[in-house]
Protein backbone atom coordinates (compact mmCIF):
# COMPACT_ATOMS: atom_id res chain seq x y z
CA UNK A 1 -61.95 -55.31 -68.64
CA UNK A 2 -63.77 -58.16 -67.24
CA UNK A 3 -66.66 -57.61 -64.81
CA UNK A 4 -66.77 -60.18 -62.19
CA UNK A 5 -69.52 -61.93 -61.16
CA UNK A 6 -69.23 -60.80 -57.40
CA UNK A 7 -69.40 -57.11 -59.06
CA UNK A 8 -72.93 -57.74 -59.97
CA UNK A 9 -73.72 -59.51 -56.37
CA UNK A 10 -74.00 -56.20 -54.49
CA UNK A 11 -76.37 -56.91 -52.06
CA UNK A 12 -75.70 -53.76 -49.88
CA UNK A 13 -77.72 -51.52 -52.41
CA UNK A 14 -81.00 -54.05 -51.81
CA UNK A 15 -81.06 -54.09 -48.11
CA UNK A 16 -83.12 -51.19 -48.06
CA UNK A 17 -86.02 -53.19 -49.97
CA UNK A 18 -85.25 -56.57 -48.66
CA UNK A 19 -85.95 -54.68 -45.24
CA UNK A 20 -89.14 -53.51 -45.97
CA UNK A 21 -90.10 -56.60 -47.85
CA UNK A 22 -89.28 -58.30 -44.81
CA UNK A 23 -91.13 -56.14 -42.47
CA UNK A 24 -94.04 -56.18 -44.48
CA UNK A 25 -94.10 -60.34 -44.09
CA UNK A 26 -93.54 -60.22 -40.40
CA UNK A 27 -94.83 -57.03 -39.01
CA UNK A 28 -91.99 -56.82 -36.42
CA UNK A 29 -88.51 -54.94 -36.83
CA UNK A 30 -86.56 -57.39 -34.77
CA UNK A 31 -88.36 -60.46 -36.95
CA UNK A 32 -87.51 -58.50 -40.16
CA UNK A 33 -83.98 -58.06 -39.24
CA UNK A 34 -83.49 -61.92 -38.58
CA UNK A 35 -85.43 -63.06 -41.74
CA UNK A 36 -83.13 -60.38 -43.77
CA UNK A 37 -80.01 -61.98 -42.28
CA UNK A 38 -81.21 -65.48 -42.66
CA UNK A 39 -82.10 -64.83 -46.48
CA UNK A 40 -78.83 -63.18 -46.93
CA UNK A 41 -76.85 -66.01 -45.58
CA UNK A 42 -78.90 -68.33 -47.99
CA UNK A 43 -78.13 -65.83 -50.87
CA UNK A 44 -74.62 -66.09 -50.15
CA UNK A 45 -74.52 -70.31 -49.86
CA UNK A 46 -76.27 -70.28 -53.15
CA UNK A 47 -74.63 -67.26 -55.12
CA UNK A 48 -73.38 -69.44 -57.45
CA UNK A 49 -76.72 -69.90 -58.94
CA UNK A 50 -77.44 -66.46 -59.31
CA UNK A 51 -77.33 -65.93 -63.12
CA UNK A 52 -74.75 -62.86 -64.12
CA UNK A 53 -77.30 -59.96 -65.88
CA UNK A 54 -80.11 -61.48 -63.67
CA UNK A 55 -82.11 -58.84 -61.62
CA UNK A 56 -80.75 -59.23 -57.65
CA UNK A 57 -83.41 -57.70 -56.86
CA UNK A 58 -86.18 -60.01 -57.44
CA UNK A 59 -83.51 -63.12 -57.03
CA UNK A 60 -83.10 -61.70 -53.02
CA UNK A 61 -86.73 -60.93 -52.63
CA UNK A 62 -87.81 -64.23 -53.62
CA UNK A 63 -85.23 -65.44 -51.38
CA UNK A 64 -86.49 -63.28 -48.30
CA UNK A 65 -90.09 -64.91 -49.56
CA UNK A 66 -88.81 -68.44 -49.68
CA UNK A 67 -87.15 -67.84 -45.91
CA UNK A 68 -90.28 -66.61 -44.53
CA UNK A 69 -92.26 -69.60 -45.85
CA UNK A 70 -89.97 -71.67 -44.54
CA UNK A 71 -90.05 -70.33 -41.32
CA UNK A 72 -94.04 -70.46 -41.07
CA UNK A 73 -94.36 -74.08 -42.14
CA UNK A 74 -91.19 -74.67 -39.14
CA UNK A 75 -93.38 -72.80 -36.69
CA UNK A 76 -96.80 -74.38 -37.84
CA UNK A 77 -95.24 -77.75 -37.48
CA UNK A 78 -93.88 -76.95 -33.85
CA UNK A 79 -97.47 -75.62 -32.72
CA UNK A 80 -98.97 -79.16 -34.21
CA UNK A 81 -96.09 -81.17 -32.46
CA UNK A 82 -96.77 -79.11 -29.18
CA UNK A 83 -100.42 -79.35 -29.66
CA UNK A 84 -100.31 -83.07 -29.64
CA UNK A 85 -97.92 -82.93 -26.62
CA UNK A 86 -100.15 -80.77 -24.62
CA UNK A 87 -103.09 -82.91 -25.23
CA UNK A 88 -101.29 -86.13 -24.29
CA UNK A 89 -99.98 -84.18 -20.86
CA UNK A 90 -104.09 -83.42 -20.77
CA UNK A 91 -104.45 -87.10 -19.95
CA UNK A 92 -101.74 -87.89 -18.12
CA UNK A 93 -102.71 -88.02 -14.34
CA UNK A 94 -100.33 -86.86 -11.84
CA UNK A 95 -99.81 -90.07 -9.37
CA UNK A 96 -101.48 -90.27 -6.13
CA UNK A 97 -99.40 -89.11 -2.97
CA UNK A 98 -99.43 -92.82 -1.86
CA UNK A 99 -97.89 -93.83 -5.05
CA UNK A 100 -95.34 -90.88 -5.19
CA UNK A 101 -94.43 -92.22 -1.40
CA UNK A 102 -94.26 -95.56 -2.57
CA UNK A 103 -92.19 -94.87 -5.67
CA UNK A 104 -89.68 -93.67 -3.14
CA UNK A 105 -89.91 -96.36 -0.81
CA UNK A 106 -89.07 -98.61 -3.64
CA UNK A 107 -86.22 -95.88 -5.00
CA UNK A 108 -85.06 -96.35 -1.46
CA UNK A 109 -84.55 -100.11 -0.99
CA UNK A 110 -83.17 -100.22 -4.78
CA UNK A 111 -80.51 -98.12 -3.71
CA UNK A 112 -80.15 -99.84 -0.39
CA UNK A 113 -79.47 -102.92 -1.71
CA UNK A 114 -75.55 -103.98 -1.32
CA UNK A 115 -73.56 -102.86 -4.67
CA UNK A 116 -72.92 -106.15 -6.19
CA UNK A 117 -76.51 -107.05 -5.77
CA UNK A 118 -77.94 -103.51 -7.41
CA UNK A 119 -75.43 -103.41 -10.12
CA UNK A 120 -76.51 -106.97 -10.91
CA UNK A 121 -80.17 -106.01 -11.19
CA UNK A 122 -79.75 -102.56 -12.66
CA UNK A 123 -77.97 -104.71 -15.79
CA UNK A 124 -80.54 -107.20 -16.28
CA UNK A 125 -83.97 -105.57 -15.01
CA UNK A 126 -83.12 -102.04 -16.32
CA UNK A 127 -80.50 -102.29 -18.92
CA UNK A 128 -82.15 -105.57 -20.44
CA UNK A 129 -78.84 -107.44 -20.79
CA UNK A 130 -79.13 -110.98 -20.92
CA UNK A 131 -77.45 -113.01 -18.03
CA UNK A 132 -74.28 -113.99 -20.29
CA UNK A 133 -73.93 -110.43 -21.41
CA UNK A 134 -74.49 -108.87 -17.90
CA UNK A 135 -72.11 -111.51 -16.28
CA UNK A 136 -69.54 -110.60 -19.09
CA UNK A 137 -69.74 -106.90 -18.33
CA UNK A 138 -69.13 -107.90 -14.36
CA UNK A 139 -66.33 -109.94 -15.09
CA UNK A 140 -68.36 -112.46 -12.83
CA UNK A 141 -69.24 -116.16 -13.50
CA UNK A 142 -73.41 -116.49 -15.00
CA UNK A 143 -73.62 -118.29 -11.64
CA UNK A 144 -72.64 -115.51 -9.64
CA UNK A 145 -74.63 -112.99 -11.28
CA UNK A 146 -77.85 -115.33 -11.13
CA UNK A 147 -77.37 -115.74 -7.36
CA UNK A 148 -76.80 -111.85 -6.81
CA UNK A 149 -80.20 -110.87 -8.95
CA UNK A 150 -81.91 -113.82 -6.80
CA UNK A 151 -80.82 -112.13 -3.59
CA UNK A 152 -81.86 -108.69 -5.18
CA UNK A 153 -85.19 -109.84 -6.11
CA UNK A 154 -85.97 -111.22 -2.67
CA UNK A 155 -84.77 -108.11 -0.74
CA UNK A 156 -87.50 -106.60 -3.21
CA UNK A 157 -89.81 -109.07 -2.77
CA UNK A 158 -89.82 -108.68 1.02
CA UNK A 159 -90.25 -104.91 0.84
CA UNK A 160 -93.62 -105.60 -1.79
CA UNK A 161 -95.13 -108.33 0.68
CA UNK A 162 -94.65 -105.48 4.00
CA UNK A 163 -97.54 -103.39 2.36
CA UNK A 164 -100.38 -102.41 4.39
CA UNK A 165 -103.57 -104.18 3.84
CA UNK A 166 -105.46 -103.67 0.89
CA UNK A 167 -102.52 -101.83 -1.01
CA UNK A 168 -101.97 -103.08 -4.63
CA UNK A 169 -98.60 -103.79 -5.24
CA UNK A 170 -96.63 -101.47 -8.06
CA UNK A 171 -93.34 -103.29 -7.95
CA UNK A 172 -92.98 -105.89 -11.23
CA UNK A 173 -89.68 -107.67 -10.85
CA UNK A 174 -88.75 -108.19 -14.24
CA UNK A 175 -87.34 -111.64 -15.18
CA UNK A 176 -88.72 -113.27 -11.85
CA UNK A 177 -89.10 -116.62 -10.96
CA UNK A 178 -87.87 -118.97 -13.80
CA UNK A 179 -86.23 -116.32 -15.77
CA UNK A 180 -83.22 -117.93 -17.45
CA UNK A 181 -82.15 -115.46 -20.00
CA UNK A 182 -78.62 -117.01 -20.35
């Protein structure tokens, strides 16, 4: 009678040793169970690489070790990314209340624009489409698009000109005067 490869791949008999080793690596029972499960998943995925007659326990223990090392590397990499993000965030300054209020006013002014002007300005200024691309998207002539954008920008400029004395404008009108992105 010929023995099949799966007969020599009895991982159930190795579970106790795998759990003990995983627990010694991570020192937490729940993490050890997760480690063993991940290692067994990898072992079954790579079952074809196991040589019949080899020591299954040693092979599985090396997989537990490798999965553990992979997890440590992934965790350290994630920690480095979080530290870098925190470093950047520490340098960022929350906007002043005046700035937040002004931004809310500008947002309100944008949404108060007539729909045809708002959609034209959005496509060109925010989505960065050329006039031709925006006109094609709206199925209107380029001249009509340019007219709508000019009227929208004029309304927003008027809002910026109504700033109290000593206030710096925050609005930058993309593609303002003389902008011909046709």
